């Protein structure tokens, strides 16, 4: 099903005489994954071992019982994607440096679809080597674990393109990894 994102950005330059921007958003409102054509099954496993000394073979398979019962076929399953609140502020103290900090809160009881129920703090640093080139570092959380992302972008008027390399710590999820991202956008 389709979800909605809403947000607002306020540029505070006219009020503070500084390059400051504040962003607030709610995302994934009403979003859910829908799976169709599912077979719903119940599976149970039991093992009844005789007393020590009464086992007549090395195999325990003869003492195992499994049951698999089909409860329904061609069923539909809907899983809600957590709604997420974001609040962030960006500050550019010098023409070639930008910094940002933000908080994110997912409305869920468990880590799901990359979102954690904990209040997460994100931060970033952007260095603008030239008007058309930037380098960035961004720290965010995914499944409650830190993700460190390094990137670079090229900016040519109507074309924006970039490359990112992310490192997932994954101590809470027993997953460690590296992600690569490419992005492009046209501005009219």
Protein backbone atom coordinates (compact mmCIF):
# COMPACT_ATOMS: atom_id res chain seq x y z
CA UNK A 1 0.00 0.00 0.00
CA UNK A 2 1.09 3.55 -0.53
CA UNK A 3 2.44 5.58 2.37
CA UNK A 4 2.85 9.32 2.64
CA UNK A 5 5.67 11.59 3.78
CA UNK A 6 5.10 15.16 4.90
CA UNK A 7 7.66 17.69 5.99
CA UNK A 8 8.68 21.30 6.19
CA UNK A 9 11.96 23.15 5.81
CA UNK A 10 12.60 26.58 7.27
CA UNK A 11 15.57 28.68 6.17
CA UNK A 12 16.47 30.92 9.13
CA UNK A 13 19.03 33.09 7.31
CA UNK A 14 16.76 36.16 7.31
CA UNK A 15 16.25 35.88 11.10
CA UNK A 16 19.75 34.90 12.27
CA UNK A 17 22.00 36.31 9.53
CA UNK A 18 23.59 32.83 9.47
CA UNK A 19 23.15 29.87 7.12
CA UNK A 20 20.81 27.81 9.34
CA UNK A 21 18.07 25.48 8.16
CA UNK A 22 15.61 23.44 10.25
CA UNK A 23 13.73 20.44 8.88
CA UNK A 24 10.87 18.45 10.38
CA UNK A 25 9.13 15.48 8.80
CA UNK A 26 6.88 12.49 9.28
CA UNK A 27 7.41 9.64 6.86
CA UNK A 28 5.85 6.26 6.06
CA UNK A 29 2.38 7.41 7.16
CA UNK A 30 -0.01 4.56 6.36
CA UNK A 31 2.70 2.56 4.57
CA UNK A 32 2.58 -1.23 4.61
CA UNK A 33 3.87 -4.22 2.72
CA UNK A 34 1.25 -6.56 1.34
CA UNK A 35 2.07 -10.18 0.54
CA UNK A 36 -0.50 -12.21 -1.42
CA UNK A 37 -0.82 -15.89 -2.32
CA UNK A 38 0.62 -17.05 1.00
CA UNK A 39 0.17 -20.56 2.40
CA UNK A 40 -0.36 -20.37 6.17
CA UNK A 41 1.09 -23.39 7.98
CA UNK A 42 1.58 -24.59 11.53
CA UNK A 43 4.69 -26.65 12.30
CA UNK A 44 5.42 -28.51 15.53
CA UNK A 45 8.30 -30.72 16.62
CA UNK A 46 8.44 -33.14 19.55
CA UNK A 47 11.11 -35.46 20.85
CA UNK A 48 10.48 -38.14 23.48
CA UNK A 49 13.70 -39.85 24.53
CA UNK A 50 13.64 -43.06 26.56
CA UNK A 51 15.55 -43.30 29.82
CA UNK A 52 19.37 -43.61 29.51
CA UNK A 53 20.41 -47.19 28.81
CA UNK A 54 17.14 -48.00 27.01
CA UNK A 55 18.19 -46.53 23.63
CA UNK A 56 18.65 -49.37 21.15
CA UNK A 57 20.40 -47.42 18.37
CA UNK A 58 22.70 -44.43 17.80
CA UNK A 59 19.97 -42.56 15.93
CA UNK A 60 17.46 -40.38 17.74
CA UNK A 61 15.27 -39.89 14.66
CA UNK A 62 12.94 -42.70 15.72
CA UNK A 63 12.02 -40.65 18.82
CA UNK A 64 11.17 -37.45 16.84
CA UNK A 65 7.69 -36.45 15.70
CA UNK A 66 6.87 -33.53 13.43
CA UNK A 67 3.49 -32.19 12.40
CA UNK A 68 2.84 -29.78 9.55
CA UNK A 69 -0.76 -28.56 9.21
CA UNK A 70 -1.94 -26.24 6.41
CA UNK A 71 -4.23 -23.66 8.01
CA UNK A 72 -5.04 -21.76 4.82
CA UNK A 73 -3.95 -21.17 1.25
CA UNK A 74 -3.92 -18.08 -0.97
CA UNK A 75 -3.98 -15.79 2.06
CA UNK A 76 -2.91 -12.14 2.28
CA UNK A 77 -0.53 -10.73 4.89
CA UNK A 78 -0.13 -7.01 5.58
CA UNK A 79 2.82 -5.71 7.59
CA UNK A 80 2.85 -2.08 8.76
CA UNK A 81 5.97 -0.02 8.08
CA UNK A 82 6.68 2.17 11.11
CA UNK A 83 5.92 5.88 10.86
CA UNK A 84 9.04 7.94 11.58
CA UNK A 85 9.46 11.46 13.03
CA UNK A 86 12.59 13.43 12.04
CA UNK A 87 13.85 16.78 13.32
CA UNK A 88 17.14 18.12 11.98
CA UNK A 89 19.14 21.35 11.87
CA UNK A 90 21.90 22.29 9.43
CA UNK A 91 24.42 25.06 9.92
CA UNK A 92 27.01 26.40 7.50
CA UNK A 93 29.51 28.40 9.58
CA UNK A 94 31.89 28.87 6.63
CA UNK A 95 31.31 28.82 2.89
CA UNK A 96 33.10 25.45 2.53
CA UNK A 97 31.84 23.66 5.69
CA UNK A 98 28.38 22.47 6.67
CA UNK A 99 27.35 20.53 9.78
CA UNK A 100 24.07 18.96 10.78
CA UNK A 101 22.47 17.12 13.66
CA UNK A 102 19.10 15.46 13.96
CA UNK A 103 16.90 13.09 15.88
CA UNK A 104 14.75 10.27 14.55
CA UNK A 105 12.03 8.34 16.34
CA UNK A 106 10.19 5.40 14.78
CA UNK A 107 6.81 4.47 16.17
CA UNK A 108 7.40 0.73 16.60
CA UNK A 109 7.94 -1.69 19.49
CA UNK A 110 10.80 -3.55 17.77
CA UNK A 111 13.52 -2.93 15.20
CA UNK A 112 11.74 -3.29 11.88
CA UNK A 113 12.57 -2.32 8.27
CA UNK A 114 15.71 -0.50 9.35
CA UNK A 115 14.00 1.54 12.05
CA UNK A 116 14.58 1.19 15.77
CA UNK A 117 12.09 2.07 18.53
CA UNK A 118 14.91 4.02 20.25
CA UNK A 119 15.44 7.74 19.86
CA UNK A 120 18.33 7.96 17.40
CA UNK A 121 20.79 10.81 16.93
CA UNK A 122 22.21 11.44 13.46
CA UNK A 123 24.92 13.87 12.45
CA UNK A 124 26.79 14.90 9.34
CA UNK A 125 29.68 16.97 8.02
CA UNK A 126 29.95 18.39 4.50
CA UNK A 127 33.09 19.88 2.96
CA UNK A 128 32.70 21.84 -0.26
CA UNK A 129 36.04 21.60 -2.09
CA UNK A 130 34.67 23.59 -5.02
CA UNK A 131 31.27 24.90 -6.11
CA UNK A 132 30.77 21.70 -8.09
CA UNK A 133 32.36 19.16 -5.66
CA UNK A 134 31.59 18.13 -2.08
CA UNK A 135 32.70 15.42 0.34
CA UNK A 136 30.49 14.23 3.17
CA UNK A 137 30.33 12.06 6.27
CA UNK A 138 26.99 10.99 7.73
CA UNK A 139 26.30 8.91 10.83
CA UNK A 140 22.85 7.42 11.24
CA UNK A 141 21.33 4.39 12.90
CA UNK A 142 19.80 1.37 11.22
CA UNK A 143 18.19 -1.37 13.32
CA UNK A 144 19.66 0.48 16.32
CA UNK A 145 23.25 0.12 15.08
CA UNK A 146 25.49 2.86 13.69
CA UNK A 147 25.95 3.25 9.95
CA UNK A 148 28.87 5.43 8.84
CA UNK A 149 28.53 6.82 5.31
CA UNK A 150 31.22 8.61 3.34
CA UNK A 151 30.37 10.25 0.05
CA UNK A 152 31.18 12.67 -2.68
CA UNK A 153 28.96 14.63 -5.01
CA UNK A 154 29.26 16.52 -8.26
CA UNK A 155 26.99 19.50 -8.92
CA UNK A 156 26.64 20.90 -12.46
CA UNK A 157 23.69 23.30 -12.62
CA UNK A 158 20.75 21.06 -13.44
CA UNK A 159 22.60 17.76 -12.70
CA UNK A 160 23.46 16.40 -9.27
CA UNK A 161 25.25 13.08 -8.97
CA UNK A 162 26.98 11.31 -6.10
CA UNK A 163 28.65 8.21 -4.75
CA UNK A 164 28.45 6.87 -1.18
CA UNK A 165 30.16 4.11 0.73
CA UNK A 166 28.46 2.93 3.95
CA UNK A 167 29.79 0.75 6.75
CA UNK A 168 27.23 -1.10 8.89
CA UNK A 169 28.44 -2.07 12.34
CA UNK A 170 25.60 -4.45 13.14
CA UNK A 171 26.56 -5.45 16.68
CA UNK A 172 22.89 -5.76 17.69
CA UNK A 173 21.91 -7.72 14.57
CA UNK A 174 25.01 -9.86 14.01
CA UNK A 175 25.37 -8.28 10.58
CA UNK A 176 28.32 -6.34 9.36
CA UNK A 177 28.61 -5.02 5.87
CA UNK A 178 29.51 -2.43 3.32
CA UNK A 179 27.01 -0.64 1.14
CA UNK A 180 27.61 1.26 -2.07
CA UNK A 181 25.26 3.92 -3.35
CA UNK A 182 24.98 5.91 -6.55
CA UNK A 183 22.52 8.72 -7.04
CA UNK A 184 21.61 11.24 -9.70
CA UNK A 185 19.00 13.93 -9.94
CA UNK A 186 17.97 16.48 -12.54
CA UNK A 187 16.81 19.93 -11.46
CA UNK A 188 14.47 21.93 -13.68
